[in-house]
Protein backbone atom coordinates (compact mmCIF):
# COMPACT_ATOMS: atom_id res chain seq x y z
CA UNK A 1 21.42 34.01 57.72
CA UNK A 2 24.42 32.25 59.18
CA UNK A 3 22.15 29.36 60.28
CA UNK A 4 20.96 28.93 56.67
CA UNK A 5 24.55 28.52 55.48
CA UNK A 6 25.41 26.13 58.30
CA UNK A 7 22.34 23.98 57.58
CA UNK A 8 23.07 24.05 53.79
CA UNK A 9 26.68 23.05 54.29
CA UNK A 10 25.78 20.32 56.69
CA UNK A 11 23.12 18.93 54.38
CA UNK A 12 25.43 18.95 51.35
CA UNK A 13 28.24 17.27 53.22
CA UNK A 14 25.96 14.61 54.69
CA UNK A 15 24.61 13.84 51.24
CA UNK A 16 28.11 13.53 49.79
CA UNK A 17 29.15 10.99 52.42
CA UNK A 18 26.46 8.72 50.94
CA UNK A 19 26.73 9.61 47.24
CA UNK A 20 30.53 9.29 47.14
CA UNK A 21 30.81 5.51 47.62
CA UNK A 22 27.49 4.83 45.96
CA UNK A 23 28.56 6.95 43.00
CA UNK A 24 31.70 4.84 42.69
CA UNK A 25 29.54 1.73 42.36
CA UNK A 26 27.28 3.48 39.86
CA UNK A 27 30.32 4.47 37.70
CA UNK A 28 31.93 1.01 37.86
CA UNK A 29 28.69 -0.70 36.82
CA UNK A 30 27.87 1.95 34.18
CA UNK A 31 24.55 2.66 35.85
CA UNK A 32 24.63 6.41 35.31
CA UNK A 33 21.20 6.46 33.67
CA UNK A 34 19.76 4.46 36.55
CA UNK A 35 20.23 7.43 38.86
CA UNK A 36 18.48 9.72 36.35
CA UNK A 37 15.55 7.29 36.10
CA UNK A 38 15.03 7.29 39.88
CA UNK A 39 15.45 11.07 40.06
CA UNK A 40 12.79 11.65 37.40
CA UNK A 41 10.42 9.34 39.21
CA UNK A 42 10.78 11.52 42.36
CA UNK A 43 8.56 14.20 40.83
CA UNK A 44 5.75 11.63 40.59
CA UNK A 45 6.28 10.93 44.31
CA UNK A 46 5.95 14.62 45.08
CA UNK A 47 2.63 14.88 43.19
CA UNK A 48 1.26 11.74 44.80
CA UNK A 49 2.29 12.95 48.23
CA UNK A 50 0.26 16.18 47.70
CA UNK A 51 -2.71 14.34 46.18
CA UNK A 52 -2.93 11.89 49.02
CA UNK A 53 -2.12 14.46 51.68
CA UNK A 54 0.83 12.51 53.10
CA UNK A 55 4.48 13.35 53.75
CA UNK A 56 6.19 14.32 50.50
CA UNK A 57 9.47 12.75 51.70
CA UNK A 58 7.75 9.46 52.42
CA UNK A 59 5.88 9.36 49.11
CA UNK A 60 9.06 10.18 47.15
CA UNK A 61 11.00 7.47 48.92
CA UNK A 62 8.18 4.96 48.36
CA UNK A 63 7.98 5.74 44.62
CA UNK A 64 11.76 5.54 44.14
CA UNK A 65 12.02 2.30 46.10
CA UNK A 66 9.04 0.74 44.24
CA UNK A 67 10.56 1.65 40.86
CA UNK A 68 13.98 0.28 41.95
CA UNK A 69 12.38 -3.03 42.94
CA UNK A 70 10.42 -3.25 39.64
CA UNK A 71 13.21 -2.41 37.24
CA UNK A 72 15.43 -5.45 37.86
CA UNK A 73 12.76 -8.13 37.42
CA UNK A 74 11.20 -6.22 34.51
CA UNK A 75 14.52 -6.14 32.72
CA UNK A 76 15.02 -9.88 33.07
CA UNK A 77 11.44 -10.55 32.04
CA UNK A 78 11.46 -8.31 28.97
CA UNK A 79 14.84 -9.40 27.68
CA UNK A 80 15.31 -6.00 26.09
CA UNK A 81 17.97 -3.35 26.34
CA UNK A 82 18.39 -1.92 29.87
CA UNK A 83 19.09 1.55 28.37
CA UNK A 84 15.79 1.48 26.53
CA UNK A 85 13.93 0.30 29.63
CA UNK A 86 15.52 3.01 31.82
CA UNK A 87 14.78 5.67 29.25
CA UNK A 88 11.10 4.69 29.03
CA UNK A 89 10.80 4.52 32.85
CA UNK A 90 12.56 7.89 33.33
CA UNK A 91 10.54 9.84 30.82
CA UNK A 92 7.33 7.99 31.57
CA UNK A 93 7.53 8.69 35.30
CA UNK A 94 8.58 12.32 34.66
CA UNK A 95 5.59 12.79 32.36
CA UNK A 96 3.25 11.17 34.90
CA UNK A 97 4.57 13.47 37.57
CA UNK A 98 4.09 16.57 35.50
CA UNK A 99 0.50 15.52 34.57
CA UNK A 100 -0.26 14.79 38.27
CA UNK A 101 1.16 18.20 39.20
CA UNK A 102 -1.05 19.94 36.66
CA UNK A 103 -4.11 18.23 38.16
CA UNK A 104 -3.58 19.79 41.56
CA UNK A 105 -6.56 22.02 42.46
CA UNK A 106 -6.03 23.72 45.82
CA UNK A 107 -2.33 23.02 46.22
CA UNK A 108 0.41 24.90 44.46
CA UNK A 109 3.64 22.98 43.95
CA UNK A 110 6.81 24.99 43.45
CA UNK A 111 8.28 22.95 40.57
CA UNK A 112 11.54 24.93 40.54
CA UNK A 113 12.32 23.93 44.16
CA UNK A 114 11.94 20.21 43.23
CA UNK A 115 13.51 20.38 39.79
CA UNK A 116 16.59 22.44 40.82
CA UNK A 117 16.62 22.04 44.60
CA UNK A 118 16.57 24.58 47.42
CA UNK A 119 19.46 23.71 49.74
CA UNK A 120 19.11 27.04 51.61
CA UNK A 121 15.60 25.95 52.72
CA UNK A 122 16.89 22.81 54.51
CA UNK A 123 15.40 22.47 57.96
CA UNK A 124 16.54 20.63 61.11
CA UNK A 125 14.04 17.88 60.28
CA UNK A 126 15.64 17.50 56.84
CA UNK A 127 19.06 17.20 58.47
CA UNK A 128 17.88 14.48 60.79
CA UNK A 129 16.36 12.52 57.90
CA UNK A 130 19.45 12.99 55.74
CA UNK A 131 21.72 12.03 58.63
CA UNK A 132 19.75 8.83 59.33
CA UNK A 133 19.83 7.78 55.66
CA UNK A 134 23.52 8.55 55.39
CA UNK A 135 24.32 6.60 58.57
CA UNK A 136 22.28 3.57 57.36
CA UNK A 137 23.86 3.60 53.88
CA UNK A 138 27.37 4.01 55.39
CA UNK A 139 26.79 1.00 57.67
CA UNK A 140 25.52 -1.16 54.82
CA UNK A 141 28.42 -0.07 52.53
CA UNK A 142 31.03 -0.89 55.18
CA UNK A 143 29.38 -4.31 55.79
CA UNK A 144 29.00 -5.32 52.13
CA UNK A 145 31.77 -3.24 50.49
CA UNK A 146 33.99 -6.15 49.36
CA UNK A 147 30.97 -8.00 47.95
CA UNK A 148 29.74 -4.90 46.13
CA UNK A 149 33.15 -4.31 44.60
CA UNK A 150 33.27 -7.94 43.46
CA UNK A 151 29.81 -7.55 41.91
CA UNK A 152 30.91 -4.36 40.13
CA UNK A 153 34.05 -6.08 38.78
CA UNK A 154 32.28 -9.16 37.32
CA UNK A 155 28.79 -10.41 38.14
CA UNK A 156 29.33 -14.07 37.17
CA UNK A 157 32.70 -14.27 38.92
CA UNK A 158 31.15 -12.72 42.09
CA UNK A 159 28.47 -15.45 42.01
CA UNK A 160 31.05 -18.22 41.56
CA UNK A 161 32.96 -16.82 44.56
CA UNK A 162 29.88 -17.24 46.72
CA UNK A 163 28.62 -13.67 46.95
CA UNK A 164 24.83 -13.36 47.16
CA UNK A 165 24.49 -11.49 43.88
CA UNK A 166 20.71 -11.09 43.75
CA UNK A 167 20.62 -9.70 47.30
CA UNK A 168 23.54 -7.36 46.56
CA UNK A 169 21.80 -6.04 43.40
CA UNK A 170 18.59 -5.29 45.31
CA UNK A 171 20.58 -3.72 48.18
CA UNK A 172 22.51 -1.32 45.96
CA UNK A 173 19.40 -0.37 44.00
CA UNK A 174 17.52 0.41 47.23
CA UNK A 175 20.39 2.49 48.63
CA UNK A 176 20.61 4.52 45.47
CA UNK A 177 16.82 4.99 45.42
CA UNK A 178 16.63 6.26 48.99
CA UNK A 179 19.62 8.56 48.63
CA UNK A 180 18.21 10.05 45.38
CA UNK A 181 14.84 10.57 47.13
CA UNK A 182 16.24 12.38 50.19
CA UNK A 183 18.89 14.25 48.17
CA UNK A 184 16.31 15.72 45.82
CA UNK A 185 15.88 18.77 48.05
CA UNK A 186 19.59 19.60 47.89
CA UNK A 187 20.21 19.85 44.16
CA UNK A 188 16.84 18.91 42.64
CA UNK A 189 15.41 16.16 40.49
CA UNK A 190 17.36 17.15 37.40
CA UNK A 191 20.81 17.30 39.04
CA UNK A 192 20.84 14.78 41.90
CA UNK A 193 22.32 12.06 39.71
CA UNK A 194 25.24 14.43 38.95
CA UNK A 195 26.37 14.14 42.61
CA UNK A 196 26.47 10.39 42.13
CA UNK A 197 28.49 10.44 38.91
CA UNK A 198 30.81 13.47 38.73
CA UNK A 199 32.73 13.15 42.08
CA UNK A 200 33.23 9.42 41.53
CA UNK A 201 34.34 9.98 37.96
CA UNK A 202 36.73 12.69 39.15
CA UNK A 203 38.28 10.42 41.84
CA UNK A 204 38.55 7.57 39.33
CA UNK A 205 41.06 9.63 37.33
CA UNK A 206 43.80 9.34 39.93
CA UNK A 207 42.84 6.60 42.36
CA UNK A 208 44.50 3.20 42.43
CA UNK A 209 41.99 1.16 44.48
CA UNK A 210 38.21 1.01 45.06
CA UNK A 211 38.65 2.47 48.50
CA UNK A 212 40.60 5.42 47.14
CA UNK A 213 37.80 6.08 44.61
CA UNK A 214 35.16 6.03 47.32
CA UNK A 215 37.12 8.36 49.67
CA UNK A 216 38.22 10.54 46.72
CA UNK A 217 34.60 10.88 45.61
CA UNK A 218 33.61 12.05 49.10
CA UNK A 219 36.49 14.59 49.04
CA UNK A 220 35.64 15.87 45.57
CA UNK A 221 32.00 16.07 46.49
CA UNK A 222 32.78 17.97 49.69
CA UNK A 223 34.84 20.50 47.80
CA UNK A 224 31.97 20.87 45.32
CA UNK A 225 29.52 21.52 48.10
CA UNK A 226 31.71 24.08 49.86
CA UNK A 227 32.73 25.77 46.62
CA UNK A 228 29.24 25.72 45.12
CA UNK A 229 27.49 27.13 48.13
CA UNK A 230 30.19 29.76 48.69
CA UNK A 231 30.01 30.90 45.05
CA UNK A 232 26.20 30.91 45.16
CA UNK A 233 26.39 33.12 48.27
CA UNK A 234 28.84 35.63 46.71
CA UNK A 235 27.53 35.62 43.14
CA UNK A 236 23.80 35.23 44.02
CA UNK A 237 23.39 32.13 41.86
CA UNK A 238 21.24 29.00 42.50
CA UNK A 239 23.00 26.81 45.04
CA UNK A 240 22.18 23.36 43.53
CA UNK A 241 23.38 24.14 40.02
CA UNK A 242 26.39 25.95 41.48
CA UNK A 243 27.43 22.78 43.37
CA UNK A 244 27.14 20.64 40.21
CA UNK A 245 29.02 23.23 38.14
CA UNK A 246 31.83 23.29 40.71
CA UNK A 247 32.02 19.44 40.57
CA UNK A 248 32.18 19.68 36.78
CA UNK A 249 35.12 22.06 36.99
CA UNK A 250 36.92 19.67 39.34
CA UNK A 251 36.45 16.88 36.83
CA UNK A 252 37.81 19.08 34.05
CA UNK A 253 40.88 19.66 36.20
CA UNK A 254 41.21 15.94 37.07
CA UNK A 255 40.84 14.85 33.44
CA UNK A 256 44.32 15.84 32.19
CA UNK A 257 45.80 15.04 35.60
CA UNK A 258 44.59 11.48 35.30
CA UNK A 259 45.99 11.10 31.81
CA UNK A 260 49.40 12.50 33.02
CA UNK A 261 49.46 9.91 35.88
CA UNK A 262 48.48 7.04 33.59
CA UNK A 263 51.03 8.07 31.05
């Protein structure tokens, strides 16, 4: 039983190291719905993985990455509202996933585990995958951090300053897609985007620099993981929703604190 808790804590903390800085970028660029869209598409990846008898993790990552690569050019080609496009993609991919799940004959898919996560079922293999993704994302963020911050501040100005805007946009979309795909097992399809948004929004209330927001988001996320898993253990509640609920409580505390500092 102790091993389960250790694995769960390790998985949650590894995920937060990636979602903290990425979440800051998502909040700055007002891309909150983008995370939801990729998360909803993950269920389609699960169904396709089972249908084709391939690794579910690989199929989920492939679907999320493919959607991430399609959304940018599709938005520029259509000329419509990005919110409308993301809404259509999110609900369309979720519906396609649910239909594909219903068509399974010999395989039974536990929808609850994918929708709400099952962090207590994390294995050593999951930890290695999560650790590799987190290490890769951290290396990319450290390398391109100043450029990503410039892009988040003002796209046109970043382009004038010589930053490779198109490459940066693809890079950040791919990082978010992969993190959402591998983090699905921790808190589920419906709640993974909350770990991108809430800790970063919480840190934004009192931070004075982009670096403080990124580090503060990691700190708030780590507290949410520890508090959420601990409360789930003592109160016998679902771990994923408990983590997100704890993060929401932290934001509620930070909300007036941020106003007080700004005042």
